[in-house]
Amino acid sequence: MHISKAAFVKSASSWTECPEQLLPEFAFIGRSNVGKSSLINMIVQRNGLAKASRTPGKTQLINFFCINDAWFFVDLPGYGYAKSKVTERKKWIDRTQDYFLNRPCLLHVFVLIDGSIPTQGIDIEFCTTLQEEEIPFSIVITKMDKATQREIHHNME
């Protein structure tokens, strides 16, 4: 895959504000601070396209990036950030669920999981929900450089 063009299109606070242009969409989601924005930047080979931060919970909207004028990468808010207000977390969860259920152009979800720590229950719950809703997804293990081979093996089991 050669990416020759990548551009930020818009941020949406709900699925009803998402772009009207019905291009195929590939969404990235995971716990807060797992590296969603960084992965998008790495794939498109452009630092700073998706705003990455060391502070968990920075991505709070549904962010659309048009790739090669042919499809969208969608950077979704992280789930499971414990330091945010419960009401804010509920908004993010509801917003994301509505997006999943109401976007016919969503082709695939990439669920990012931190490989440097044991898999969290919230990750398993999230993947189970995607499976129950019959939403195609793949698991992407991140932060492999932050752990030893033994820790990675243990965490992946």
C-alpha atoms as a PDB file:
ATOM      1  CA  MET A   1       0.000   0.000   0.000  1.00  0.00           C
ATOM      2  CA  HIS A   2       1.430   3.332  -1.035  1.00  0.00           C
ATOM      3  CA  ILE A   3       0.036   6.394   0.707  1.00  0.00           C
ATOM      4  CA  SER A   4       0.643   9.475  -1.391  1.00  0.00           C
ATOM      5  CA  LYS A   5      -1.872  11.782   0.260  1.00  0.00           C
ATOM      6  CA  ALA A   6      -3.162  12.062   3.816  1.00  0.00           C
ATOM      7  CA  ALA A   7      -5.188  14.964   5.114  1.00  0.00           C
ATOM      8  CA  PHE A   8      -7.205  15.808   8.193  1.00  0.00           C
ATOM      9  CA  VAL A   9     -10.833  16.306   7.158  1.00  0.00           C
ATOM     10  CA  LYS A  10     -12.807  17.017  10.322  1.00  0.00           C
ATOM     11  CA  SER A  11     -13.600  16.171  13.914  1.00  0.00           C
ATOM     12  CA  ALA A  12     -17.095  15.083  14.826  1.00  0.00           C
ATOM     13  CA  SER A  13     -18.716  15.035  18.238  1.00  0.00           C
ATOM     14  CA  SER A  14     -21.330  12.500  17.087  1.00  0.00           C
ATOM     15  CA  TRP A  15     -21.932  10.149  14.165  1.00  0.00           C
ATOM     16  CA  THR A  16     -24.426  12.634  12.722  1.00  0.00           C
ATOM     17  CA  GLU A  17     -21.580  15.128  12.210  1.00  0.00           C
ATOM     18  CA  CYS A  18     -19.374  12.624  10.357  1.00  0.00           C
ATOM     19  CA  PRO A  19     -18.423  13.399   6.743  1.00  0.00           C
ATOM     20  CA  GLU A  20     -21.208  12.862   4.244  1.00  0.00           C
ATOM     21  CA  GLN A  21     -18.745  11.510   1.700  1.00  0.00           C
ATOM     22  CA  LEU A  22     -19.250   7.756   1.955  1.00  0.00           C
ATOM     23  CA  LEU A  23     -15.732   6.446   1.482  1.00  0.00           C
ATOM     24  CA  PRO A  24     -14.650   3.204   3.149  1.00  0.00           C
ATOM     25  CA  GLU A  25     -13.661   3.796   6.777  1.00  0.00           C
ATOM     26  CA  PHE A  26     -11.033   2.047   8.873  1.00  0.00           C
ATOM     27  CA  ALA A  27     -11.285   2.967  12.566  1.00  0.00           C
ATOM     28  CA  PHE A  28      -8.588   2.860  15.247  1.00  0.00           C
ATOM     29  CA  ILE A  29      -9.576   2.432  18.887  1.00  0.00           C
ATOM     30  CA  GLY A  30      -8.090   1.211  22.149  1.00  0.00           C
ATOM     31  CA  ARG A  31      -7.561   2.276  25.721  1.00  0.00           C
ATOM     32  CA  SER A  32      -6.399   5.827  26.241  1.00  0.00           C
ATOM     33  CA  ASN A  33      -2.695   6.372  25.542  1.00  0.00           C
ATOM     34  CA  VAL A  34      -2.217   3.072  23.681  1.00  0.00           C
ATOM     35  CA  GLY A  35      -0.852   4.786  20.568  1.00  0.00           C
ATOM     36  CA  LYS A  36      -3.786   5.183  18.164  1.00  0.00           C
ATOM     37  CA  SER A  37      -2.723   8.576  16.809  1.00  0.00           C
ATOM     38  CA  SER A  38       0.937   7.532  16.710  1.00  0.00           C
ATOM     39  CA  LEU A  39       0.066   4.432  14.678  1.00  0.00           C
ATOM     40  CA  ILE A  40      -1.897   6.502  12.155  1.00  0.00           C
ATOM     41  CA  ASN A  41       1.057   8.902  11.845  1.00  0.00           C
ATOM     42  CA  MET A  42       3.439   5.980  11.343  1.00  0.00           C
ATOM     43  CA  ILE A  43       1.278   4.360   8.645  1.00  0.00           C
ATOM     44  CA  VAL A  44       0.947   7.590   6.651  1.00  0.00           C
ATOM     45  CA  GLN A  45       4.597   8.501   7.401  1.00  0.00           C
ATOM     46  CA  ARG A  46       3.675  11.970   8.602  1.00  0.00           C
ATOM     47  CA  ASN A  47       4.369  13.115  12.148  1.00  0.00           C
ATOM     48  CA  GLY A  48       1.682  15.344  13.548  1.00  0.00           C
ATOM     49  CA  LEU A  49      -1.158  14.467  11.171  1.00  0.00           C
ATOM     50  CA  ALA A  50      -3.085  12.834  14.009  1.00  0.00           C
ATOM     51  CA  LYS A  51      -2.481  14.695  17.265  1.00  0.00           C
ATOM     52  CA  ALA A  52      -0.572  12.427  19.640  1.00  0.00           C
ATOM     53  CA  SER A  53      -0.037  13.252  23.304  1.00  0.00           C
ATOM     54  CA  ARG A  54       1.558  11.679  26.340  1.00  0.00           C
ATOM     55  CA  THR A  55      -1.529  12.706  28.312  1.00  0.00           C
ATOM     56  CA  PRO A  56      -4.243  10.014  28.256  1.00  0.00           C
ATOM     57  CA  GLY A  57      -7.689  11.032  27.076  1.00  0.00           C
ATOM     58  CA  LYS A  58      -6.672  13.831  24.689  1.00  0.00           C
ATOM     59  CA  THR A  59      -8.623  12.440  21.732  1.00  0.00           C
ATOM     60  CA  GLN A  60     -12.224  13.222  22.627  1.00  0.00           C
ATOM     61  CA  LEU A  61     -13.816  13.497  19.186  1.00  0.00           C
ATOM     62  CA  ILE A  62     -14.150  11.254  16.135  1.00  0.00           C
ATOM     63  CA  ASN A  63     -11.321  12.406  13.851  1.00  0.00           C
ATOM     64  CA  PHE A  64     -11.362  11.743  10.098  1.00  0.00           C
ATOM     65  CA  PHE A  65      -8.295  11.585   7.853  1.00  0.00           C
ATOM     66  CA  CYS A  66      -8.741  11.137   4.109  1.00  0.00           C
ATOM     67  CA  ILE A  67      -6.144   8.791   2.641  1.00  0.00           C
ATOM     68  CA  ASN A  68      -5.313   8.899  -1.090  1.00  0.00           C
ATOM     69  CA  ASP A  69      -8.753  10.476  -1.703  1.00  0.00           C
ATOM     70  CA  ALA A  70     -10.031   6.887  -1.489  1.00  0.00           C
ATOM     71  CA  TRP A  71     -10.776   6.020   2.157  1.00  0.00           C
ATOM     72  CA  PHE A  72     -10.796   7.372   5.702  1.00  0.00           C
ATOM     73  CA  PHE A  73      -8.720   6.507   8.723  1.00  0.00           C
ATOM     74  CA  VAL A  74     -10.845   7.306  11.780  1.00  0.00           C
ATOM     75  CA  ASP A  75      -9.126   8.070  15.093  1.00  0.00           C
ATOM     76  CA  LEU A  76     -11.607   7.347  17.891  1.00  0.00           C
ATOM     77  CA  PRO A  77     -11.514   8.428  21.548  1.00  0.00           C
ATOM     78  CA  GLY A  78      -9.800   5.951  23.831  1.00  0.00           C
ATOM     79  CA  TYR A  79     -11.793   3.920  26.299  1.00  0.00           C
ATOM     80  CA  GLY A  80     -10.997   3.195  29.922  1.00  0.00           C
ATOM     81  CA  TYR A  81      -9.338   6.413  31.031  1.00  0.00           C
ATOM     82  CA  ALA A  82     -10.002   6.320  34.768  1.00  0.00           C
ATOM     83  CA  LYS A  83      -9.044   9.928  35.584  1.00  0.00           C
ATOM     84  CA  SER A  84     -11.745  11.475  33.428  1.00  0.00           C
ATOM     85  CA  LYS A  85     -15.191  12.207  34.823  1.00  0.00           C
ATOM     86  CA  VAL A  86     -17.656   9.323  34.621  1.00  0.00           C
ATOM     87  CA  THR A  87     -20.051  11.501  32.618  1.00  0.00           C
ATOM     88  CA  GLU A  88     -17.297  12.312  30.089  1.00  0.00           C
ATOM     89  CA  ARG A  89     -16.332   8.631  29.733  1.00  0.00           C
ATOM     90  CA  LYS A  90     -19.987   7.728  29.161  1.00  0.00           C
ATOM     91  CA  LYS A  91     -20.249  10.376  26.411  1.00  0.00           C
ATOM     92  CA  TRP A  92     -17.152   8.973  24.659  1.00  0.00           C
ATOM     93  CA  ILE A  93     -18.462   5.399  24.914  1.00  0.00           C
ATOM     94  CA  ASP A  94     -21.935   6.358  23.641  1.00  0.00           C
ATOM     95  CA  ARG A  95     -20.439   8.449  20.818  1.00  0.00           C
ATOM     96  CA  THR A  96     -18.217   5.577  19.717  1.00  0.00           C
ATOM     97  CA  GLN A  97     -20.991   2.984  19.930  1.00  0.00           C
ATOM     98  CA  ASP A  98     -23.308   5.207  17.871  1.00  0.00           C
ATOM     99  CA  TYR A  99     -20.539   5.630  15.301  1.00  0.00           C
ATOM    100  CA  PHE A 100     -20.051   1.845  15.040  1.00  0.00           C
ATOM    101  CA  LEU A 101     -23.765   1.139  14.661  1.00  0.00           C
ATOM    102  CA  ASN A 102     -24.621   3.954  12.253  1.00  0.00           C
ATOM    103  CA  ARG A 103     -21.772   4.142   9.740  1.00  0.00           C
ATOM    104  CA  PRO A 104     -22.447   1.756   6.839  1.00  0.00           C
ATOM    105  CA  CYS A 105     -19.072   2.656   5.312  1.00  0.00           C
ATOM    106  CA  LEU A 106     -17.151   1.350   8.355  1.00  0.00           C
ATOM    107  CA  LEU A 107     -15.304  -1.666   6.965  1.00  0.00           C
ATOM    108  CA  HIS A 108     -12.923  -2.576   9.755  1.00  0.00           C
ATOM    109  CA  VAL A 109     -11.895  -1.641  13.284  1.00  0.00           C
ATOM    110  CA  PHE A 110      -8.324  -1.929  14.516  1.00  0.00           C
ATOM    111  CA  VAL A 111      -8.339  -2.474  18.288  1.00  0.00           C
ATOM    112  CA  LEU A 112      -5.004  -1.435  19.764  1.00  0.00           C
ATOM    113  CA  ILE A 113      -3.843  -3.273  22.869  1.00  0.00           C
ATOM    114  CA  ASP A 114      -0.786  -2.360  24.943  1.00  0.00           C
ATOM    115  CA  GLY A 115       1.582  -5.345  24.712  1.00  0.00           C
ATOM    116  CA  SER A 116       3.795  -4.092  27.533  1.00  0.00           C
ATOM    117  CA  ILE A 117       1.162  -4.887  30.188  1.00  0.00           C
ATOM    118  CA  PRO A 118      -1.261  -7.788  30.700  1.00  0.00           C
ATOM    119  CA  THR A 119      -4.413  -7.541  28.587  1.00  0.00           C
ATOM    120  CA  GLN A 120      -7.030  -5.582  30.498  1.00  0.00           C
ATOM    121  CA  GLY A 121     -10.592  -6.760  31.061  1.00  0.00           C
ATOM    122  CA  ILE A 122     -11.910  -3.675  29.288  1.00  0.00           C
ATOM    123  CA  ASP A 123     -10.019  -4.717  26.124  1.00  0.00           C
ATOM    124  CA  ILE A 124     -11.610  -8.165  26.211  1.00  0.00           C
ATOM    125  CA  GLU A 125     -15.062  -6.664  26.845  1.00  0.00           C
ATOM    126  CA  PHE A 126     -14.640  -4.272  23.951  1.00  0.00           C
ATOM    127  CA  CYS A 127     -13.596  -7.022  21.514  1.00  0.00           C
ATOM    128  CA  THR A 128     -16.472  -9.197  22.715  1.00  0.00           C
ATOM    129  CA  THR A 129     -18.923  -6.367  22.005  1.00  0.00           C
ATOM    130  CA  LEU A 130     -17.520  -5.891  18.492  1.00  0.00           C
ATOM    131  CA  GLN A 131     -17.873  -9.613  17.897  1.00  0.00           C
ATOM    132  CA  GLU A 132     -21.471  -9.631  19.181  1.00  0.00           C
ATOM    133  CA  GLU A 133     -22.337  -6.693  16.901  1.00  0.00           C
ATOM    134  CA  GLU A 134     -20.617  -8.511  14.001  1.00  0.00           C
ATOM    135  CA  ILE A 135     -18.250  -5.605  13.396  1.00  0.00           C
ATOM    136  CA  PRO A 136     -15.061  -6.846  11.695  1.00  0.00           C
ATOM    137  CA  PHE A 137     -11.951  -6.102  13.733  1.00  0.00           C
ATOM    138  CA  SER A 138      -8.290  -6.934  14.130  1.00  0.00           C
ATOM    139  CA  ILE A 139      -6.149  -6.667  17.225  1.00  0.00           C
ATOM    140  CA  VAL A 140      -2.969  -4.610  16.937  1.00  0.00           C
ATOM    141  CA  ILE A 141      -0.407  -4.997  19.712  1.00  0.00           C
ATOM    142  CA  THR A 142       1.441  -1.761  20.494  1.00  0.00           C
ATOM    143  CA  LYS A 143       4.289  -0.713  22.783  1.00  0.00           C
ATOM    144  CA  MET A 144       6.235  -3.900  22.090  1.00  0.00           C
ATOM    145  CA  ASP A 145       9.427  -1.882  22.508  1.00  0.00           C
ATOM    146  CA  LYS A 146       8.508  -1.153  26.155  1.00  0.00           C
ATOM    147  CA  ALA A 147       8.662  -4.781  27.365  1.00  0.00           C
ATOM    148  CA  THR A 148      10.969  -7.774  27.344  1.00  0.00           C
ATOM    149  CA  GLN A 149      10.283 -10.757  25.094  1.00  0.00           C
ATOM    150  CA  ARG A 150       9.225 -12.750  28.161  1.00  0.00           C
ATOM    151  CA  GLU A 151       6.720 -10.067  29.234  1.00  0.00           C
ATOM    152  CA  ILE A 152       5.330  -9.811  25.720  1.00  0.00           C
ATOM    153  CA  HIS A 153       4.900 -13.588  25.478  1.00  0.00           C
ATOM    154  CA  HIS A 154       3.175 -13.673  28.888  1.00  0.00           C
ATOM    155  CA  ASN A 155       0.918 -10.712  28.045  1.00  0.00           C
ATOM    156  CA  MET A 156      -0.096 -12.120  24.674  1.00  0.00           C
ATOM    157  CA  GLU A 157      -1.131 -15.433  26.244  1.00  0.00           C
END
